[in-house]
Amino acid sequence: MSVSPSLSPAAAGAAGSAPTQADLLDFVRRTAADTELIASLPLDPEGRTWVRLDGPGGSEAWLIGWPPGTGTGWHDHADSVGAFLTAAGELTEYSLAARLPTDGWKTLELTDGVDRDRRLSAGQGRTFGHHHVHEVLNESPDRHAVSVHAYYPPLPRIRRYSRTGQVLRLEQVERPEDWQ
């Protein structure tokens, strides 16, 4: 299912130009406020569910349902910038405040002080830049969360990582055909 919430001129980006992080945040904010759309997402008690949305200016967007205790694992969105916002429930984002090499490595020892975390309750969101490494979790023991995400350019790949202490390992590179 592909859904297209109405777009304001600002959220669509200037004619012919790529949407900015602010445009993407505006889009996810307005989409999350669409209570009918949020309520229409089928929720599964065990696994995440998602619906692809038509994002502004050719961006890729998703509405995602998070059962209690689920998460993404450590990953980045490669060359895409993005925004996401919690529409219902609460999500926790753990991220790295470090510039990582973009390619050519398998194992990286992280320095002290690079870990960041934030709790995003309903109505709270954030933007992020290229190669932002993070994991997003619904840490609630009993409540679903729902969020809206937008990326530009549309995701060319997602790199998945494992983490043990201060060691980050590249485990897998996924392409769009792996998750669509």
N, C-alpha and C. Protein backbone atom coordinates (compact mmCIF):
# COMPACT_ATOMS: atom_id res chain seq x y z
N MET A 1 0.85 -1.17 0.00
CA MET A 1 0.00 0.00 0.00
C MET A 1 0.89 1.22 0.00
N SER A 2 0.59 2.18 -0.83
CA SER A 2 1.33 3.43 -0.88
C SER A 2 0.35 4.57 -0.63
N VAL A 3 0.69 5.43 0.32
CA VAL A 3 -0.20 6.50 0.73
C VAL A 3 0.50 7.82 0.54
N SER A 4 -0.24 8.85 0.14
CA SER A 4 0.36 10.16 -0.06
C SER A 4 -0.40 11.23 0.71
N PRO A 5 0.07 11.59 1.94
CA PRO A 5 -0.55 12.71 2.63
C PRO A 5 -0.35 13.98 1.82
N SER A 6 -1.27 14.94 1.96
CA SER A 6 -1.12 16.19 1.20
C SER A 6 0.15 16.91 1.63
N LEU A 7 0.78 17.56 0.68
CA LEU A 7 2.05 18.21 0.93
C LEU A 7 1.92 19.72 0.83
N SER A 8 2.51 20.41 1.78
CA SER A 8 2.59 21.87 1.68
C SER A 8 3.71 22.19 0.71
N PRO A 9 3.72 23.39 0.11
CA PRO A 9 4.82 23.74 -0.79
C PRO A 9 6.18 23.61 -0.11
N ALA A 10 6.30 23.98 1.16
CA ALA A 10 7.59 23.88 1.84
C ALA A 10 8.03 22.43 1.96
N ALA A 11 7.10 21.54 2.30
CA ALA A 11 7.45 20.14 2.48
C ALA A 11 7.81 19.48 1.17
N ALA A 12 7.28 19.96 0.09
CA ALA A 12 7.59 19.36 -1.20
C ALA A 12 8.96 19.79 -1.70
N GLY A 13 9.56 20.80 -1.08
CA GLY A 13 10.85 21.31 -1.54
C GLY A 13 10.61 22.23 -2.73
N ALA A 14 11.54 23.05 -3.01
CA ALA A 14 11.42 23.96 -4.15
C ALA A 14 11.37 23.13 -5.43
N ALA A 15 10.68 23.62 -6.43
CA ALA A 15 10.54 22.89 -7.69
C ALA A 15 11.91 22.48 -8.21
N GLY A 16 12.05 21.16 -8.45
CA GLY A 16 13.28 20.66 -9.02
C GLY A 16 14.42 20.49 -8.05
N SER A 17 14.25 20.82 -6.78
CA SER A 17 15.34 20.66 -5.83
C SER A 17 15.03 19.53 -4.85
N ALA A 18 16.07 18.98 -4.28
CA ALA A 18 15.91 17.89 -3.33
C ALA A 18 15.33 18.40 -2.02
N PRO A 19 14.50 17.60 -1.36
CA PRO A 19 13.99 18.03 -0.05
C PRO A 19 15.13 18.10 0.96
N THR A 20 15.06 19.08 1.82
CA THR A 20 16.06 19.24 2.89
C THR A 20 15.67 18.40 4.09
N GLN A 21 16.55 18.32 5.07
CA GLN A 21 16.22 17.63 6.30
C GLN A 21 15.01 18.29 6.96
N ALA A 22 14.93 19.62 6.89
CA ALA A 22 13.78 20.35 7.46
C ALA A 22 12.49 19.97 6.72
N ASP A 23 12.54 19.83 5.39
CA ASP A 23 11.37 19.40 4.63
C ASP A 23 10.92 18.00 5.06
N LEU A 24 11.90 17.11 5.25
CA LEU A 24 11.58 15.75 5.65
C LEU A 24 10.96 15.74 7.06
N LEU A 25 11.50 16.55 7.96
CA LEU A 25 10.95 16.62 9.32
C LEU A 25 9.54 17.19 9.29
N ASP A 26 9.31 18.21 8.48
CA ASP A 26 7.97 18.78 8.34
C ASP A 26 7.01 17.71 7.83
N PHE A 27 7.43 16.94 6.86
CA PHE A 27 6.59 15.87 6.31
C PHE A 27 6.25 14.82 7.37
N VAL A 28 7.26 14.32 8.10
CA VAL A 28 6.97 13.27 9.10
C VAL A 28 6.10 13.83 10.23
N ARG A 29 6.30 15.08 10.58
CA ARG A 29 5.48 15.71 11.62
C ARG A 29 4.01 15.78 11.19
N ARG A 30 3.76 16.27 9.98
CA ARG A 30 2.39 16.38 9.49
C ARG A 30 1.75 15.00 9.27
N THR A 31 2.54 14.06 8.79
CA THR A 31 2.02 12.71 8.56
C THR A 31 1.66 12.05 9.89
N ALA A 32 2.49 12.21 10.90
CA ALA A 32 2.23 11.62 12.22
C ALA A 32 0.98 12.23 12.86
N ALA A 33 0.63 13.43 12.48
CA ALA A 33 -0.56 14.09 13.02
C ALA A 33 -1.85 13.58 12.35
N ASP A 34 -1.73 12.79 11.29
CA ASP A 34 -2.88 12.24 10.59
C ASP A 34 -3.35 10.99 11.36
N THR A 35 -4.22 11.19 12.35
CA THR A 35 -4.61 10.11 13.24
C THR A 35 -5.29 8.95 12.50
N GLU A 36 -6.01 9.27 11.43
CA GLU A 36 -6.66 8.20 10.66
C GLU A 36 -5.61 7.31 9.98
N LEU A 37 -4.58 7.92 9.40
CA LEU A 37 -3.51 7.15 8.78
C LEU A 37 -2.77 6.31 9.82
N ILE A 38 -2.44 6.91 10.95
CA ILE A 38 -1.70 6.18 12.00
C ILE A 38 -2.53 4.99 12.49
N ALA A 39 -3.82 5.20 12.68
CA ALA A 39 -4.70 4.12 13.16
C ALA A 39 -4.89 3.02 12.11
N SER A 40 -4.66 3.32 10.83
CA SER A 40 -4.87 2.33 9.77
C SER A 40 -3.72 1.32 9.66
N LEU A 41 -2.59 1.58 10.30
CA LEU A 41 -1.45 0.67 10.20
C LEU A 41 -1.76 -0.62 10.94
N PRO A 42 -1.71 -1.77 10.25
CA PRO A 42 -1.92 -3.03 10.96
C PRO A 42 -0.75 -3.28 11.92
N LEU A 43 -1.06 -3.65 13.15
CA LEU A 43 -0.03 -3.90 14.15
C LEU A 43 0.05 -5.40 14.41
N ASP A 44 1.26 -5.92 14.44
CA ASP A 44 1.51 -7.33 14.70
C ASP A 44 2.09 -7.44 16.10
N PRO A 45 1.66 -8.42 16.90
CA PRO A 45 2.18 -8.51 18.26
C PRO A 45 3.64 -8.95 18.34
N GLU A 46 4.19 -9.48 17.25
CA GLU A 46 5.55 -10.01 17.34
C GLU A 46 6.58 -9.35 16.44
N GLY A 47 6.17 -8.80 15.31
CA GLY A 47 7.14 -8.23 14.38
C GLY A 47 6.72 -6.84 13.93
N ARG A 48 7.71 -6.08 13.48
CA ARG A 48 7.40 -4.74 12.97
C ARG A 48 6.57 -4.84 11.70
N THR A 49 5.70 -3.86 11.51
CA THR A 49 4.91 -3.75 10.30
C THR A 49 5.20 -2.41 9.67
N TRP A 50 4.99 -2.29 8.35
CA TRP A 50 5.28 -1.02 7.70
C TRP A 50 4.44 -0.86 6.45
N VAL A 51 4.25 0.41 6.10
CA VAL A 51 3.57 0.79 4.88
C VAL A 51 4.42 1.87 4.23
N ARG A 52 4.67 1.72 2.94
CA ARG A 52 5.44 2.74 2.23
C ARG A 52 4.52 3.93 1.93
N LEU A 53 5.07 5.13 2.10
CA LEU A 53 4.35 6.37 1.83
C LEU A 53 5.03 7.11 0.69
N ASP A 54 4.32 8.01 0.06
CA ASP A 54 4.92 8.88 -0.95
C ASP A 54 5.48 10.09 -0.22
N GLY A 55 6.78 10.19 -0.14
CA GLY A 55 7.42 11.30 0.55
C GLY A 55 7.57 12.52 -0.35
N PRO A 56 7.96 13.63 0.23
CA PRO A 56 8.10 14.87 -0.54
C PRO A 56 9.30 14.84 -1.49
N GLY A 57 9.14 15.46 -2.64
CA GLY A 57 10.25 15.67 -3.57
C GLY A 57 10.99 14.42 -3.98
N GLY A 58 10.28 13.29 -4.11
CA GLY A 58 10.93 12.06 -4.53
C GLY A 58 11.61 11.29 -3.40
N SER A 59 11.36 11.68 -2.16
CA SER A 59 11.95 10.96 -1.03
C SER A 59 11.21 9.65 -0.79
N GLU A 60 11.83 8.80 -0.01
CA GLU A 60 11.24 7.54 0.39
C GLU A 60 10.72 7.72 1.81
N ALA A 61 9.50 7.25 2.07
CA ALA A 61 8.92 7.42 3.40
C ALA A 61 8.21 6.14 3.82
N TRP A 62 8.17 5.95 5.15
CA TRP A 62 7.58 4.73 5.71
C TRP A 62 6.81 5.06 6.98
N LEU A 63 5.71 4.36 7.19
CA LEU A 63 4.97 4.34 8.44
C LEU A 63 5.30 2.97 9.05
N ILE A 64 5.82 2.96 10.29
CA ILE A 64 6.31 1.72 10.89
C ILE A 64 5.66 1.48 12.24
N GLY A 65 5.19 0.24 12.47
CA GLY A 65 4.66 -0.18 13.76
C GLY A 65 5.69 -1.03 14.48
N TRP A 66 5.85 -0.76 15.77
CA TRP A 66 6.87 -1.40 16.60
C TRP A 66 6.21 -2.12 17.78
N PRO A 67 6.14 -3.44 17.77
CA PRO A 67 5.63 -4.14 18.95
C PRO A 67 6.57 -3.92 20.14
N PRO A 68 6.08 -4.15 21.35
CA PRO A 68 6.95 -4.01 22.52
C PRO A 68 8.22 -4.85 22.38
N GLY A 69 9.35 -4.26 22.73
CA GLY A 69 10.62 -4.98 22.74
C GLY A 69 11.30 -5.15 21.39
N THR A 70 10.82 -4.50 20.34
CA THR A 70 11.44 -4.67 19.02
C THR A 70 12.36 -3.49 18.70
N GLY A 71 13.26 -3.72 17.76
CA GLY A 71 14.18 -2.66 17.35
C GLY A 71 14.81 -2.97 16.01
N THR A 72 15.64 -2.05 15.58
CA THR A 72 16.26 -2.16 14.26
C THR A 72 17.62 -2.84 14.27
N GLY A 73 18.31 -2.83 15.39
CA GLY A 73 19.72 -3.19 15.40
C GLY A 73 20.51 -2.00 14.88
N TRP A 74 21.82 -2.03 15.07
CA TRP A 74 22.69 -0.93 14.62
C TRP A 74 22.73 -0.91 13.10
N HIS A 75 22.56 0.28 12.52
CA HIS A 75 22.57 0.42 11.06
C HIS A 75 22.80 1.88 10.70
N ASP A 76 23.03 2.12 9.41
CA ASP A 76 23.01 3.49 8.88
C ASP A 76 22.27 3.46 7.55
N HIS A 77 22.01 4.65 7.03
CA HIS A 77 21.26 4.79 5.78
C HIS A 77 22.16 5.28 4.66
N ALA A 78 23.45 4.98 4.79
CA ALA A 78 24.45 5.29 3.76
C ALA A 78 24.39 6.76 3.36
N ASP A 79 24.18 7.02 2.08
CA ASP A 79 24.26 8.38 1.55
C ASP A 79 22.98 9.19 1.68
N SER A 80 21.97 8.64 2.35
CA SER A 80 20.70 9.36 2.52
C SER A 80 20.71 10.18 3.80
N VAL A 81 20.00 11.31 3.77
CA VAL A 81 19.68 12.06 4.98
C VAL A 81 18.25 11.71 5.33
N GLY A 82 17.83 11.99 6.55
CA GLY A 82 16.48 11.58 6.90
C GLY A 82 15.92 12.30 8.10
N ALA A 83 14.69 11.91 8.41
CA ALA A 83 13.98 12.39 9.58
C ALA A 83 13.02 11.30 10.02
N PHE A 84 12.80 11.21 11.32
CA PHE A 84 11.74 10.33 11.80
C PHE A 84 11.11 10.95 13.03
N LEU A 85 9.86 10.53 13.28
CA LEU A 85 9.09 11.09 14.37
C LEU A 85 8.19 10.00 14.93
N THR A 86 8.10 9.95 16.25
CA THR A 86 7.22 8.99 16.91
C THR A 86 5.79 9.53 16.85
N ALA A 87 4.88 8.74 16.30
CA ALA A 87 3.48 9.14 16.19
C ALA A 87 2.65 8.62 17.37
N ALA A 88 3.05 7.48 17.94
CA ALA A 88 2.34 6.90 19.09
C ALA A 88 3.36 6.10 19.90
N GLY A 89 3.17 6.08 21.21
CA GLY A 89 4.09 5.36 22.07
C GLY A 89 5.39 6.13 22.28
N GLU A 90 6.47 5.39 22.50
CA GLU A 90 7.78 6.01 22.70
C GLU A 90 8.85 5.12 22.10
N LEU A 91 9.81 5.74 21.43
CA LEU A 91 10.96 5.04 20.88
C LEU A 91 12.22 5.58 21.53
N THR A 92 13.25 4.76 21.57
CA THR A 92 14.56 5.18 22.05
C THR A 92 15.54 5.03 20.90
N GLU A 93 16.34 6.07 20.69
CA GLU A 93 17.39 6.01 19.67
C GLU A 93 18.74 6.04 20.36
N TYR A 94 19.57 5.05 20.06
CA TYR A 94 20.97 5.04 20.47
C TYR A 94 21.77 5.35 19.22
N SER A 95 22.69 6.30 19.32
CA SER A 95 23.46 6.69 18.13
C SER A 95 24.91 6.95 18.50
N LEU A 96 25.71 7.12 17.48
CA LEU A 96 27.13 7.39 17.64
C LEU A 96 27.43 8.80 17.16
N ALA A 97 28.03 9.60 18.02
CA ALA A 97 28.45 10.95 17.65
C ALA A 97 29.89 10.87 17.18
N ALA A 98 30.07 10.19 16.07
CA ALA A 98 31.41 10.00 15.51
C ALA A 98 31.29 9.90 14.01
N ARG A 99 32.24 10.45 13.32
CA ARG A 99 32.27 10.34 11.87
C ARG A 99 33.00 9.05 11.53
N LEU A 100 32.30 8.13 10.90
CA LEU A 100 32.88 6.84 10.55
C LEU A 100 33.34 6.85 9.11
N PRO A 101 34.33 6.04 8.79
CA PRO A 101 34.70 5.91 7.38
C PRO A 101 33.49 5.39 6.61
N THR A 102 33.30 5.84 5.38
CA THR A 102 32.12 5.44 4.64
C THR A 102 32.25 4.06 4.01
N ASP A 103 33.44 3.64 3.66
CA ASP A 103 33.64 2.33 3.03
C ASP A 103 35.03 1.82 3.36
N GLY A 104 35.24 0.54 3.09
CA GLY A 104 36.57 -0.03 3.19
C GLY A 104 36.97 -0.51 4.57
N TRP A 105 36.02 -0.71 5.47
CA TRP A 105 36.36 -1.22 6.80
C TRP A 105 35.36 -2.28 7.21
N LYS A 106 35.77 -3.16 8.08
CA LYS A 106 34.90 -4.22 8.61
C LYS A 106 34.77 -4.12 10.12
N THR A 107 35.83 -3.66 10.80
CA THR A 107 35.82 -3.56 12.27
C THR A 107 36.40 -2.22 12.65
N LEU A 108 35.75 -1.58 13.61
CA LEU A 108 36.17 -0.26 14.05
C LEU A 108 36.09 -0.18 15.57
N GLU A 109 37.16 0.28 16.21
CA GLU A 109 37.12 0.49 17.66
C GLU A 109 36.68 1.93 17.91
N LEU A 110 35.57 2.07 18.65
CA LEU A 110 35.01 3.38 18.94
C LEU A 110 35.72 4.00 20.14
N THR A 111 35.85 5.29 20.13
CA THR A 111 36.45 5.99 21.27
C THR A 111 35.40 6.22 22.35
N ASP A 112 35.85 6.49 23.55
CA ASP A 112 34.94 6.80 24.64
C ASP A 112 34.20 8.10 24.35
N GLY A 113 32.98 8.19 24.82
CA GLY A 113 32.22 9.42 24.71
C GLY A 113 31.45 9.60 23.43
N VAL A 114 31.39 8.59 22.55
CA VAL A 114 30.67 8.76 21.28
C VAL A 114 29.21 8.34 21.37
N ASP A 115 28.83 7.67 22.45
CA ASP A 115 27.46 7.17 22.56
C ASP A 115 26.48 8.27 22.94
N ARG A 116 25.35 8.28 22.25
CA ARG A 116 24.27 9.22 22.53
C ARG A 116 22.97 8.41 22.62
N ASP A 117 22.04 8.87 23.43
CA ASP A 117 20.72 8.26 23.45
C ASP A 117 19.68 9.34 23.66
N ARG A 118 18.51 9.08 23.10
CA ARG A 118 17.39 10.00 23.28
C ARG A 118 16.10 9.22 23.24
N ARG A 119 15.18 9.67 24.06
CA ARG A 119 13.83 9.10 24.08
C ARG A 119 12.94 10.02 23.28
N LEU A 120 12.16 9.43 22.41
CA LEU A 120 11.26 10.19 21.55
C LEU A 120 9.83 9.74 21.80
N SER A 121 9.10 10.53 22.59
CA SER A 121 7.69 10.28 22.86
C SER A 121 6.87 10.74 21.67
N ALA A 122 5.58 10.41 21.68
CA ALA A 122 4.68 10.82 20.60
C ALA A 122 4.82 12.31 20.34
N GLY A 123 5.01 12.66 19.06
CA GLY A 123 5.17 14.05 18.66
C GLY A 123 6.62 14.52 18.61
N GLN A 124 7.56 13.70 19.07
CA GLN A 124 8.97 14.09 19.05
C GLN A 124 9.70 13.35 17.93
N GLY A 125 10.60 14.07 17.27
CA GLY A 125 11.35 13.48 16.18
C GLY A 125 12.70 14.13 16.03
N ARG A 126 13.38 13.77 14.97
CA ARG A 126 14.71 14.31 14.72
C ARG A 126 15.10 14.12 13.26
N THR A 127 16.11 14.87 12.87
CA THR A 127 16.70 14.68 11.55
C THR A 127 18.08 14.07 11.74
N PHE A 128 18.64 13.55 10.66
CA PHE A 128 20.01 13.04 10.71
C PHE A 128 20.64 13.15 9.34
N GLY A 129 21.97 13.19 9.34
CA GLY A 129 22.72 13.35 8.11
C GLY A 129 23.21 12.03 7.54
N HIS A 130 24.03 12.15 6.52
CA HIS A 130 24.63 11.00 5.85
C HIS A 130 25.39 10.13 6.84
N HIS A 131 25.32 8.83 6.66
CA HIS A 131 26.12 7.86 7.42
C HIS A 131 25.89 7.94 8.92
N HIS A 132 24.67 8.30 9.35
CA HIS A 132 24.32 8.37 10.77
C HIS A 132 24.08 6.95 11.28
N VAL A 133 24.95 6.48 12.18
CA VAL A 133 24.84 5.12 12.71
C VAL A 133 23.99 5.17 13.98
N HIS A 134 22.91 4.35 13.97
CA HIS A 134 22.03 4.32 15.13
C HIS A 134 21.26 3.01 15.20
N GLU A 135 20.58 2.83 16.32
CA GLU A 135 19.57 1.79 16.44
C GLU A 135 18.37 2.42 17.13
N VAL A 136 17.19 1.97 16.72
CA VAL A 136 15.95 2.51 17.26
C VAL A 136 15.19 1.35 17.88
N LEU A 137 14.68 1.57 19.10
CA LEU A 137 14.03 0.51 19.85
C LEU A 137 12.72 0.98 20.47
N ASN A 138 11.76 0.05 20.56
CA ASN A 138 10.59 0.25 21.41
C ASN A 138 10.89 -0.55 22.67
N GLU A 139 11.30 0.13 23.72
CA GLU A 139 11.70 -0.55 24.95
C GLU A 139 10.52 -0.80 25.89
N SER A 140 9.32 -0.42 25.49
CA SER A 140 8.14 -0.66 26.32
C SER A 140 7.91 -2.16 26.45
N PRO A 141 7.56 -2.62 27.64
CA PRO A 141 7.25 -4.05 27.79
C PRO A 141 5.84 -4.41 27.31
N ASP A 142 4.98 -3.40 27.09
CA ASP A 142 3.59 -3.73 26.80
C ASP A 142 2.85 -2.79 25.85
N ARG A 143 3.54 -1.87 25.22
CA ARG A 143 2.83 -0.91 24.37
C ARG A 143 3.50 -0.79 22.99
N HIS A 144 2.69 -0.85 21.96
CA HIS A 144 3.18 -0.61 20.60
C HIS A 144 3.61 0.84 20.45
N ALA A 145 4.50 1.07 19.52
CA ALA A 145 4.86 2.43 19.09
C ALA A 145 4.64 2.48 17.58
N VAL A 146 4.40 3.68 17.07
CA VAL A 146 4.27 3.90 15.63
C VAL A 146 5.10 5.12 15.28
N SER A 147 5.80 5.05 14.16
CA SER A 147 6.64 6.18 13.75
C SER A 147 6.54 6.40 12.24
N VAL A 148 6.97 7.60 11.82
CA VAL A 148 7.01 7.96 10.41
C VAL A 148 8.45 8.32 10.08
N HIS A 149 8.96 7.81 8.95
CA HIS A 149 10.35 8.01 8.53
C HIS A 149 10.37 8.51 7.09
N ALA A 150 11.34 9.38 6.78
CA ALA A 150 11.52 9.84 5.39
C ALA A 150 13.02 9.97 5.11
N TYR A 151 13.43 9.58 3.91
CA TYR A 151 14.84 9.57 3.52
C TYR A 151 15.00 10.15 2.12
N TYR A 152 16.08 10.91 1.94
CA TYR A 152 16.42 11.40 0.60
C TYR A 152 17.93 11.40 0.44
N PRO A 153 18.44 10.89 -0.67
CA PRO A 153 17.68 10.23 -1.73
C PRO A 153 17.09 8.92 -1.22
N PRO A 154 16.13 8.34 -1.97
CA PRO A 154 15.59 7.05 -1.55
C PRO A 154 16.74 6.10 -1.24
N LEU A 155 16.55 5.29 -0.22
CA LEU A 155 17.64 4.47 0.33
C LEU A 155 18.35 3.62 -0.72
N PRO A 156 19.63 3.93 -0.98
CA PRO A 156 20.40 3.11 -1.92
C PRO A 156 20.90 1.83 -1.26
N ARG A 157 21.05 1.89 0.06
CA ARG A 157 21.50 0.73 0.82
C ARG A 157 21.39 1.05 2.30
N ILE A 158 21.36 0.00 3.09
CA ILE A 158 21.43 0.10 4.55
C ILE A 158 22.56 -0.81 4.97
N ARG A 159 23.46 -0.26 5.77
CA ARG A 159 24.55 -1.09 6.30
C ARG A 159 24.19 -1.48 7.73
N ARG A 160 24.28 -2.78 8.01
CA ARG A 160 23.94 -3.32 9.33
C ARG A 160 25.22 -3.68 10.07
N TYR A 161 25.20 -3.38 11.38
CA TYR A 161 26.38 -3.57 12.22
C TYR A 161 26.04 -4.42 13.43
N SER A 162 27.07 -5.03 14.00
CA SER A 162 26.95 -5.62 15.34
C SER A 162 27.87 -4.80 16.23
N ARG A 163 27.58 -4.82 17.50
CA ARG A 163 28.39 -4.05 18.43
C ARG A 163 28.63 -4.86 19.69
N THR A 164 29.91 -4.95 20.06
CA THR A 164 30.31 -5.58 21.31
C THR A 164 31.21 -4.57 22.02
N GLY A 165 30.71 -4.00 23.12
CA GLY A 165 31.48 -2.98 23.82
C GLY A 165 31.76 -1.81 22.89
N GLN A 166 33.03 -1.49 22.72
CA GLN A 166 33.43 -0.36 21.87
C GLN A 166 33.79 -0.79 20.45
N VAL A 167 33.52 -2.05 20.10
CA VAL A 167 33.86 -2.56 18.77
C VAL A 167 32.59 -2.65 17.91
N LEU A 168 32.63 -1.94 16.78
CA LEU A 168 31.54 -1.95 15.81
C LEU A 168 32.00 -2.74 14.60
N ARG A 169 31.17 -3.70 14.17
CA ARG A 169 31.53 -4.54 13.02
C ARG A 169 30.47 -4.42 11.94
N LEU A 170 30.91 -4.20 10.71
CA LEU A 170 30.01 -4.22 9.56
C LEU A 170 29.65 -5.67 9.28
N GLU A 171 28.36 -5.99 9.32
CA GLU A 171 27.91 -7.36 9.15
C GLU A 171 27.29 -7.62 7.78
N GLN A 172 26.57 -6.62 7.25
CA GLN A 172 25.80 -6.87 6.04
C GLN A 172 25.45 -5.54 5.38
N VAL A 173 25.37 -5.56 4.05
CA VAL A 173 24.88 -4.41 3.30
C VAL A 173 23.62 -4.86 2.58
N GLU A 174 22.51 -4.16 2.86
CA GLU A 174 21.23 -4.48 2.22
C GLU A 174 20.93 -3.47 1.14
N ARG A 175 20.31 -3.92 0.09
CA ARG A 175 19.88 -3.08 -1.03
C ARG A 175 18.34 -3.04 -1.01
N PRO A 176 17.74 -2.10 -1.70
CA PRO A 176 16.27 -1.97 -1.68
C PRO A 176 15.52 -3.26 -1.97
N GLU A 177 16.02 -4.06 -2.86
CA GLU A 177 15.32 -5.30 -3.18
C GLU A 177 15.27 -6.27 -2.00
N ASP A 178 16.11 -6.05 -0.98
CA ASP A 178 16.11 -6.92 0.20
C ASP A 178 14.96 -6.62 1.16
N TRP A 179 14.39 -5.42 1.12
CA TRP A 179 13.35 -5.08 2.09
C TRP A 179 12.04 -4.61 1.47
N GLN A 180 11.94 -4.59 0.16
CA GLN A 180 10.67 -4.14 -0.44
C GLN A 180 9.82 -5.29 -0.90
